[in-house]
Amino acid sequence: MNIKNIEADHVEGPPWRIIARCATFEEADEKRTSLLAEENLQVKIHWMGAPQHRFFAVKTRVNPTIAIAEEAALKREEKKRRKARLNKKRRKK
């Protein structure tokens, strides 16, 4: 049996943002379940903080596949605007 090692480049997704800081996991879980109702949103609970001041952070971000598609659409729109502006300058001459 031949197994080929395929290495794919890791692509960073959109950053995670802290929405809430909770003292207990139950509070964080309630917040997470309320946020999961939104579409195209990823939610996670992260245990963080200094050892003396630990807390549960509720973090969210836009679904990476959707974020990449939106970013590509914005780039295309910007390119169209640049080309239109350049063509307008060329016509004036």
C-alpha atoms as a PDB file:
ATOM      1  CA  MET A   1       0.000   0.000   0.000  1.00  0.00           C
ATOM      2  CA  ASN A   2       1.465   3.342  -1.062  1.00  0.00           C
ATOM      3  CA  ILE A   3       0.696   6.390   1.015  1.00  0.00           C
ATOM      4  CA  LYS A   4       1.712   9.733  -0.404  1.00  0.00           C
ATOM      5  CA  ASN A   5       2.492  12.531   1.992  1.00  0.00           C
ATOM      6  CA  ILE A   6       0.687  15.597   0.783  1.00  0.00           C
ATOM      7  CA  GLU A   7       1.548  18.786   2.576  1.00  0.00           C
ATOM      8  CA  ALA A   8      -0.941  21.588   2.216  1.00  0.00           C
ATOM      9  CA  ASP A   9      -0.135  25.159   3.116  1.00  0.00           C
ATOM     10  CA  HIS A  10      -1.967  26.335   6.210  1.00  0.00           C
ATOM     11  CA  VAL A  11      -4.189  29.344   5.533  1.00  0.00           C
ATOM     12  CA  GLU A  12      -5.129  31.540   8.471  1.00  0.00           C
ATOM     13  CA  GLY A  13      -8.807  32.323   8.802  1.00  0.00           C
ATOM     14  CA  PRO A  14     -10.389  35.427  10.259  1.00  0.00           C
ATOM     15  CA  PRO A  15      -9.357  36.281  13.832  1.00  0.00           C
ATOM     16  CA  TRP A  16     -11.336  35.182  16.876  1.00  0.00           C
ATOM     17  CA  ARG A  17     -12.875  38.000  18.940  1.00  0.00           C
ATOM     18  CA  ILE A  18     -13.725  37.756  22.641  1.00  0.00           C
ATOM     19  CA  ILE A  19     -17.423  38.467  23.119  1.00  0.00           C
ATOM     20  CA  ALA A  20     -17.786  37.664  26.817  1.00  0.00           C
ATOM     21  CA  ARG A  21     -15.730  36.695  29.856  1.00  0.00           C
ATOM     22  CA  CYS A  22     -17.446  34.419  32.353  1.00  0.00           C
ATOM     23  CA  ALA A  23     -16.443  33.057  35.746  1.00  0.00           C
ATOM     24  CA  THR A  24     -18.055  29.636  35.226  1.00  0.00           C
ATOM     25  CA  PHE A  25     -18.364  27.294  32.272  1.00  0.00           C
ATOM     26  CA  GLU A  26     -22.159  27.194  32.640  1.00  0.00           C
ATOM     27  CA  GLU A  27     -22.436  30.967  32.066  1.00  0.00           C
ATOM     28  CA  ALA A  28     -20.135  30.723  29.051  1.00  0.00           C
ATOM     29  CA  ASP A  29     -22.098  27.780  27.667  1.00  0.00           C
ATOM     30  CA  GLU A  30     -25.378  29.727  27.916  1.00  0.00           C
ATOM     31  CA  LYS A  31     -23.815  32.614  25.993  1.00  0.00           C
ATOM     32  CA  ARG A  32     -22.408  30.199  23.398  1.00  0.00           C
ATOM     33  CA  THR A  33     -25.759  28.485  22.813  1.00  0.00           C
ATOM     34  CA  SER A  34     -27.470  31.847  22.326  1.00  0.00           C
ATOM     35  CA  LEU A  35     -24.823  32.880  19.774  1.00  0.00           C
ATOM     36  CA  LEU A  36     -24.977  29.580  17.883  1.00  0.00           C
ATOM     37  CA  ALA A  37     -28.437  30.538  16.623  1.00  0.00           C
ATOM     38  CA  GLU A  38     -26.770  33.036  14.269  1.00  0.00           C
ATOM     39  CA  GLU A  39     -25.896  31.702  10.866  1.00  0.00           C
ATOM     40  CA  ASN A  40     -22.316  31.755   9.503  1.00  0.00           C
ATOM     41  CA  LEU A  41     -20.822  32.289  12.950  1.00  0.00           C
ATOM     42  CA  GLN A  42     -18.381  30.005  14.741  1.00  0.00           C
ATOM     43  CA  VAL A  43     -18.341  30.083  18.547  1.00  0.00           C
ATOM     44  CA  LYS A  44     -15.951  28.522  21.046  1.00  0.00           C
ATOM     45  CA  ILE A  45     -15.197  28.688  24.756  1.00  0.00           C
ATOM     46  CA  HIS A  46     -11.584  29.175  25.772  1.00  0.00           C
ATOM     47  CA  TRP A  47     -10.248  28.840  29.312  1.00  0.00           C
ATOM     48  CA  MET A  48      -7.708  31.614  29.727  1.00  0.00           C
ATOM     49  CA  GLY A  49      -6.168  34.244  31.962  1.00  0.00           C
ATOM     50  CA  ALA A  50      -3.400  34.399  34.540  1.00  0.00           C
ATOM     51  CA  PRO A  51      -3.277  31.461  36.982  1.00  0.00           C
ATOM     52  CA  GLN A  52      -4.715  33.629  39.762  1.00  0.00           C
ATOM     53  CA  HIS A  53      -7.495  35.095  37.573  1.00  0.00           C
ATOM     54  CA  ARG A  54      -8.798  32.322  35.312  1.00  0.00           C
ATOM     55  CA  PHE A  55     -11.960  32.871  33.281  1.00  0.00           C
ATOM     56  CA  PHE A  56     -13.880  31.345  30.395  1.00  0.00           C
ATOM     57  CA  ALA A  57     -13.820  33.506  27.269  1.00  0.00           C
ATOM     58  CA  VAL A  58     -16.552  33.144  24.649  1.00  0.00           C
ATOM     59  CA  LYS A  59     -14.978  33.765  21.251  1.00  0.00           C
ATOM     60  CA  THR A  60     -16.625  34.188  17.857  1.00  0.00           C
ATOM     61  CA  ARG A  61     -15.608  34.614  14.241  1.00  0.00           C
ATOM     62  CA  VAL A  62     -17.171  34.534  10.807  1.00  0.00           C
ATOM     63  CA  ASN A  63     -17.070  31.188   9.043  1.00  0.00           C
ATOM     64  CA  PRO A  64     -13.692  31.140   7.200  1.00  0.00           C
ATOM     65  CA  THR A  65     -15.094  29.959   3.865  1.00  0.00           C
ATOM     66  CA  ILE A  66     -17.571  32.821   3.814  1.00  0.00           C
ATOM     67  CA  ALA A  67     -14.933  35.322   4.947  1.00  0.00           C
ATOM     68  CA  ILE A  68     -12.617  34.274   2.103  1.00  0.00           C
ATOM     69  CA  ALA A  69     -15.436  34.622  -0.436  1.00  0.00           C
ATOM     70  CA  GLU A  70     -16.332  38.107   0.868  1.00  0.00           C
ATOM     71  CA  GLU A  71     -12.681  39.163   0.758  1.00  0.00           C
ATOM     72  CA  ALA A  72     -12.368  37.980  -2.850  1.00  0.00           C
ATOM     73  CA  ALA A  73     -15.507  39.894  -3.812  1.00  0.00           C
ATOM     74  CA  LEU A  74     -14.124  43.077  -2.233  1.00  0.00           C
ATOM     75  CA  LYS A  75     -10.855  42.656  -4.138  1.00  0.00           C
ATOM     76  CA  ARG A  76     -12.738  42.250  -7.430  1.00  0.00           C
ATOM     77  CA  GLU A  77     -14.799  45.386  -6.741  1.00  0.00           C
ATOM     78  CA  GLU A  78     -11.667  47.381  -5.917  1.00  0.00           C
ATOM     79  CA  LYS A  79     -10.005  46.177  -9.109  1.00  0.00           C
ATOM     80  CA  LYS A  80     -13.039  47.237 -11.175  1.00  0.00           C
ATOM     81  CA  ARG A  81     -12.973  50.701  -9.554  1.00  0.00           C
ATOM     82  CA  ARG A  82      -9.246  51.103 -10.269  1.00  0.00           C
ATOM     83  CA  LYS A  83      -9.661  50.055 -13.895  1.00  0.00           C
ATOM     84  CA  ALA A  84     -12.625  52.373 -14.385  1.00  0.00           C
ATOM     85  CA  ARG A  85     -10.681  55.309 -12.925  1.00  0.00           C
ATOM     86  CA  LEU A  86      -7.657  54.518 -15.121  1.00  0.00           C
ATOM     87  CA  ASN A  87      -9.801  54.260 -18.273  1.00  0.00           C
ATOM     88  CA  LYS A  88     -11.466  57.564 -17.432  1.00  0.00           C
ATOM     89  CA  LYS A  89      -8.048  59.246 -17.175  1.00  0.00           C
ATOM     90  CA  ARG A  90      -6.968  57.718 -20.485  1.00  0.00           C
ATOM     91  CA  ARG A  91     -10.085  59.030 -22.251  1.00  0.00           C
ATOM     92  CA  LYS A  92      -9.442  62.598 -21.102  1.00  0.00           C
ATOM     93  CA  LYS A  93      -6.114  62.798 -22.974  1.00  0.00           C
END
